[in-house]
N, C-alpha and C. Protein backbone atom coordinates (compact mmCIF):
# COMPACT_ATOMS: atom_id res chain seq x y z
N MET A 1 2.29 7.06 17.67
CA MET A 1 3.28 6.46 16.82
C MET A 1 2.64 6.08 15.47
N ILE A 2 3.32 6.41 14.41
CA ILE A 2 2.87 6.10 13.06
C ILE A 2 3.44 4.73 12.66
N HIS A 3 2.61 3.90 12.08
CA HIS A 3 3.12 2.67 11.47
C HIS A 3 2.19 2.25 10.33
N TYR A 4 2.74 1.40 9.48
CA TYR A 4 2.05 0.95 8.28
C TYR A 4 1.87 -0.55 8.33
N GLU A 5 0.75 -1.02 7.77
CA GLU A 5 0.49 -2.45 7.69
C GLU A 5 -0.05 -2.79 6.30
N LEU A 6 0.15 -4.02 5.91
CA LEU A 6 -0.35 -4.54 4.65
C LEU A 6 -1.86 -4.71 4.75
N ASN A 7 -2.57 -4.40 3.67
CA ASN A 7 -3.98 -4.76 3.61
C ASN A 7 -4.24 -5.54 2.32
N GLN A 8 -5.26 -6.35 2.37
CA GLN A 8 -5.64 -7.19 1.22
C GLN A 8 -7.12 -6.94 0.95
N GLN A 9 -7.43 -6.73 -0.31
CA GLN A 9 -8.82 -6.51 -0.69
C GLN A 9 -9.13 -7.29 -1.96
N ILE A 10 -10.39 -7.59 -2.14
CA ILE A 10 -10.85 -8.26 -3.35
C ILE A 10 -11.60 -7.24 -4.19
N PHE A 11 -11.24 -7.16 -5.46
CA PHE A 11 -11.85 -6.21 -6.39
C PHE A 11 -12.46 -6.97 -7.56
N PHE A 12 -13.28 -6.28 -8.32
CA PHE A 12 -13.85 -6.86 -9.53
C PHE A 12 -13.59 -5.92 -10.69
N HIS A 13 -13.11 -6.48 -11.78
CA HIS A 13 -12.85 -5.74 -13.01
C HIS A 13 -13.71 -6.37 -14.10
N ASP A 14 -14.39 -5.54 -14.88
CA ASP A 14 -15.28 -6.05 -15.92
C ASP A 14 -14.60 -7.02 -16.87
N GLU A 15 -13.37 -6.74 -17.23
CA GLU A 15 -12.65 -7.57 -18.20
C GLU A 15 -11.97 -8.78 -17.56
N TYR A 16 -11.40 -8.60 -16.35
CA TYR A 16 -10.60 -9.65 -15.73
C TYR A 16 -11.32 -10.44 -14.65
N GLY A 17 -12.45 -9.94 -14.20
CA GLY A 17 -13.19 -10.60 -13.14
C GLY A 17 -12.65 -10.24 -11.76
N GLU A 18 -12.83 -11.15 -10.83
CA GLU A 18 -12.42 -10.91 -9.44
C GLU A 18 -10.91 -11.09 -9.29
N TYR A 19 -10.29 -10.22 -8.52
CA TYR A 19 -8.86 -10.34 -8.27
C TYR A 19 -8.51 -9.82 -6.88
N VAL A 20 -7.42 -10.29 -6.34
CA VAL A 20 -6.92 -9.86 -5.04
C VAL A 20 -5.82 -8.84 -5.28
N SER A 21 -5.87 -7.77 -4.50
CA SER A 21 -4.83 -6.75 -4.60
C SER A 21 -4.45 -6.31 -3.19
N TYR A 22 -3.25 -5.76 -3.09
CA TYR A 22 -2.70 -5.39 -1.79
C TYR A 22 -2.43 -3.90 -1.73
N GLY A 23 -2.51 -3.38 -0.52
CA GLY A 23 -2.27 -1.96 -0.31
C GLY A 23 -1.66 -1.72 1.05
N VAL A 24 -1.78 -0.49 1.49
CA VAL A 24 -1.15 -0.05 2.73
C VAL A 24 -2.19 0.63 3.62
N THR A 25 -2.17 0.28 4.90
CA THR A 25 -3.00 0.97 5.88
C THR A 25 -2.07 1.74 6.81
N LEU A 26 -2.39 3.00 7.00
CA LEU A 26 -1.62 3.89 7.88
C LEU A 26 -2.33 3.98 9.22
N TYR A 27 -1.58 3.75 10.28
CA TYR A 27 -2.10 3.86 11.64
C TYR A 27 -1.36 4.95 12.41
N ARG A 28 -2.10 5.65 13.22
CA ARG A 28 -1.49 6.54 14.23
C ARG A 28 -1.92 5.95 15.56
N ASP A 29 -0.94 5.50 16.33
CA ASP A 29 -1.19 4.71 17.52
C ASP A 29 -1.98 3.47 17.06
N LYS A 30 -3.17 3.26 17.54
CA LYS A 30 -3.94 2.08 17.10
C LYS A 30 -5.11 2.45 16.20
N ALA A 31 -5.20 3.71 15.82
CA ALA A 31 -6.32 4.17 15.01
C ALA A 31 -5.95 4.21 13.52
N VAL A 32 -6.85 3.72 12.70
CA VAL A 32 -6.65 3.79 11.25
C VAL A 32 -6.79 5.24 10.81
N VAL A 33 -5.77 5.72 10.12
CA VAL A 33 -5.77 7.09 9.59
C VAL A 33 -6.14 7.08 8.12
N ARG A 34 -5.62 6.09 7.40
CA ARG A 34 -5.83 6.07 5.96
C ARG A 34 -5.64 4.65 5.43
N VAL A 35 -6.46 4.29 4.46
CA VAL A 35 -6.34 3.00 3.79
C VAL A 35 -6.18 3.28 2.30
N ILE A 36 -5.11 2.76 1.74
CA ILE A 36 -4.88 2.86 0.30
C ILE A 36 -4.82 1.43 -0.23
N GLY A 37 -5.77 1.09 -1.05
CA GLY A 37 -5.85 -0.26 -1.59
C GLY A 37 -5.49 -0.31 -3.06
N ASP A 38 -5.42 -1.53 -3.55
CA ASP A 38 -5.21 -1.79 -4.98
C ASP A 38 -3.93 -1.15 -5.52
N ILE A 39 -2.86 -1.28 -4.76
CA ILE A 39 -1.55 -0.77 -5.22
C ILE A 39 -0.89 -1.79 -6.13
N THR A 40 -0.95 -3.07 -5.72
CA THR A 40 -0.28 -4.11 -6.49
C THR A 40 -0.94 -5.46 -6.25
N PRO A 41 -0.97 -6.31 -7.27
CA PRO A 41 -1.47 -7.68 -7.05
C PRO A 41 -0.39 -8.60 -6.46
N GLU A 42 0.81 -8.08 -6.34
CA GLU A 42 1.95 -8.86 -5.83
C GLU A 42 2.11 -8.63 -4.32
N LYS A 43 1.76 -9.63 -3.54
CA LYS A 43 1.84 -9.50 -2.08
C LYS A 43 3.25 -9.17 -1.62
N SER A 44 4.25 -9.80 -2.22
CA SER A 44 5.64 -9.56 -1.80
C SER A 44 6.05 -8.10 -2.04
N HIS A 45 5.54 -7.49 -3.09
CA HIS A 45 5.86 -6.08 -3.36
C HIS A 45 5.24 -5.18 -2.30
N ALA A 46 3.99 -5.45 -1.95
CA ALA A 46 3.32 -4.65 -0.92
C ALA A 46 3.99 -4.85 0.44
N GLU A 47 4.40 -6.08 0.74
CA GLU A 47 5.10 -6.33 1.99
C GLU A 47 6.41 -5.55 2.05
N ALA A 48 7.12 -5.50 0.93
CA ALA A 48 8.38 -4.75 0.87
C ALA A 48 8.13 -3.26 1.07
N LEU A 49 7.06 -2.73 0.48
CA LEU A 49 6.73 -1.32 0.66
C LEU A 49 6.45 -1.01 2.13
N VAL A 50 5.62 -1.84 2.74
CA VAL A 50 5.26 -1.64 4.15
C VAL A 50 6.52 -1.69 5.03
N LYS A 51 7.36 -2.66 4.76
CA LYS A 51 8.61 -2.79 5.53
C LYS A 51 9.47 -1.53 5.38
N LEU A 52 9.61 -1.06 4.15
CA LEU A 52 10.41 0.14 3.89
C LEU A 52 9.80 1.36 4.57
N PHE A 53 8.49 1.53 4.45
CA PHE A 53 7.83 2.68 5.06
C PHE A 53 8.03 2.69 6.57
N ASN A 54 7.96 1.53 7.20
CA ASN A 54 8.17 1.45 8.65
C ASN A 54 9.63 1.67 9.03
N GLN A 55 10.56 1.08 8.27
CA GLN A 55 11.99 1.24 8.56
C GLN A 55 12.41 2.70 8.45
N GLU A 56 11.88 3.38 7.45
CA GLU A 56 12.25 4.76 7.20
C GLU A 56 11.39 5.76 7.97
N ALA A 57 10.43 5.24 8.74
CA ALA A 57 9.49 6.09 9.48
C ALA A 57 8.89 7.15 8.55
N LEU A 58 8.35 6.65 7.43
CA LEU A 58 7.79 7.53 6.41
C LEU A 58 6.70 8.41 7.00
N SER A 59 6.82 9.70 6.74
CA SER A 59 5.80 10.66 7.17
C SER A 59 4.53 10.43 6.37
N PRO A 60 3.37 10.51 7.01
CA PRO A 60 2.12 10.37 6.27
C PRO A 60 2.00 11.37 5.11
N VAL A 61 2.62 12.49 5.24
CA VAL A 61 2.60 13.51 4.18
C VAL A 61 3.29 12.99 2.92
N GLN A 62 4.23 12.08 3.07
CA GLN A 62 4.99 11.54 1.95
C GLN A 62 4.40 10.27 1.35
N LEU A 63 3.32 9.77 1.94
CA LEU A 63 2.78 8.47 1.53
C LEU A 63 2.37 8.43 0.07
N ASP A 64 1.60 9.39 -0.38
CA ASP A 64 1.15 9.38 -1.78
C ASP A 64 2.33 9.41 -2.75
N GLU A 65 3.30 10.25 -2.46
CA GLU A 65 4.48 10.36 -3.34
C GLU A 65 5.28 9.07 -3.34
N ALA A 66 5.41 8.44 -2.19
CA ALA A 66 6.17 7.18 -2.11
C ALA A 66 5.48 6.08 -2.92
N ILE A 67 4.17 6.02 -2.85
CA ILE A 67 3.43 5.02 -3.63
C ILE A 67 3.52 5.35 -5.11
N GLU A 68 3.41 6.62 -5.45
CA GLU A 68 3.55 7.04 -6.85
C GLU A 68 4.94 6.66 -7.39
N ASP A 69 5.97 6.90 -6.60
CA ASP A 69 7.34 6.52 -7.02
C ASP A 69 7.43 5.02 -7.25
N TYR A 70 6.81 4.22 -6.39
CA TYR A 70 6.80 2.78 -6.58
C TYR A 70 6.13 2.41 -7.90
N LEU A 71 4.97 2.97 -8.15
CA LEU A 71 4.24 2.66 -9.39
C LEU A 71 5.01 3.09 -10.63
N ILE A 72 5.67 4.23 -10.57
CA ILE A 72 6.47 4.69 -11.69
C ILE A 72 7.65 3.74 -11.92
N SER A 73 8.20 3.21 -10.84
CA SER A 73 9.36 2.31 -10.97
C SER A 73 9.00 1.01 -11.69
N LEU A 74 7.71 0.68 -11.72
CA LEU A 74 7.28 -0.55 -12.40
C LEU A 74 7.37 -0.40 -13.92
N ASP A 75 7.30 0.84 -14.39
CA ASP A 75 7.41 1.14 -15.82
C ASP A 75 6.44 0.30 -16.65
N ILE A 76 5.18 0.38 -16.27
CA ILE A 76 4.14 -0.41 -16.96
C ILE A 76 3.78 0.28 -18.25
């Protein structure tokens, strides 16, 4: 069974210093398949992504595109 969970990591940026960012971990059964970090500094946004990915049973093949669509929607 495929499922997604929130992950939290601490990063360092030369200009901004240390910061916390959130990402997505993909599991197949209980094994980690893929970890994508540093998607957003907003925990609530990452939680919403994880919830959506699980509700929609997102295929691992679609993961990169789904994250890219999220980032594009931010219009930074």
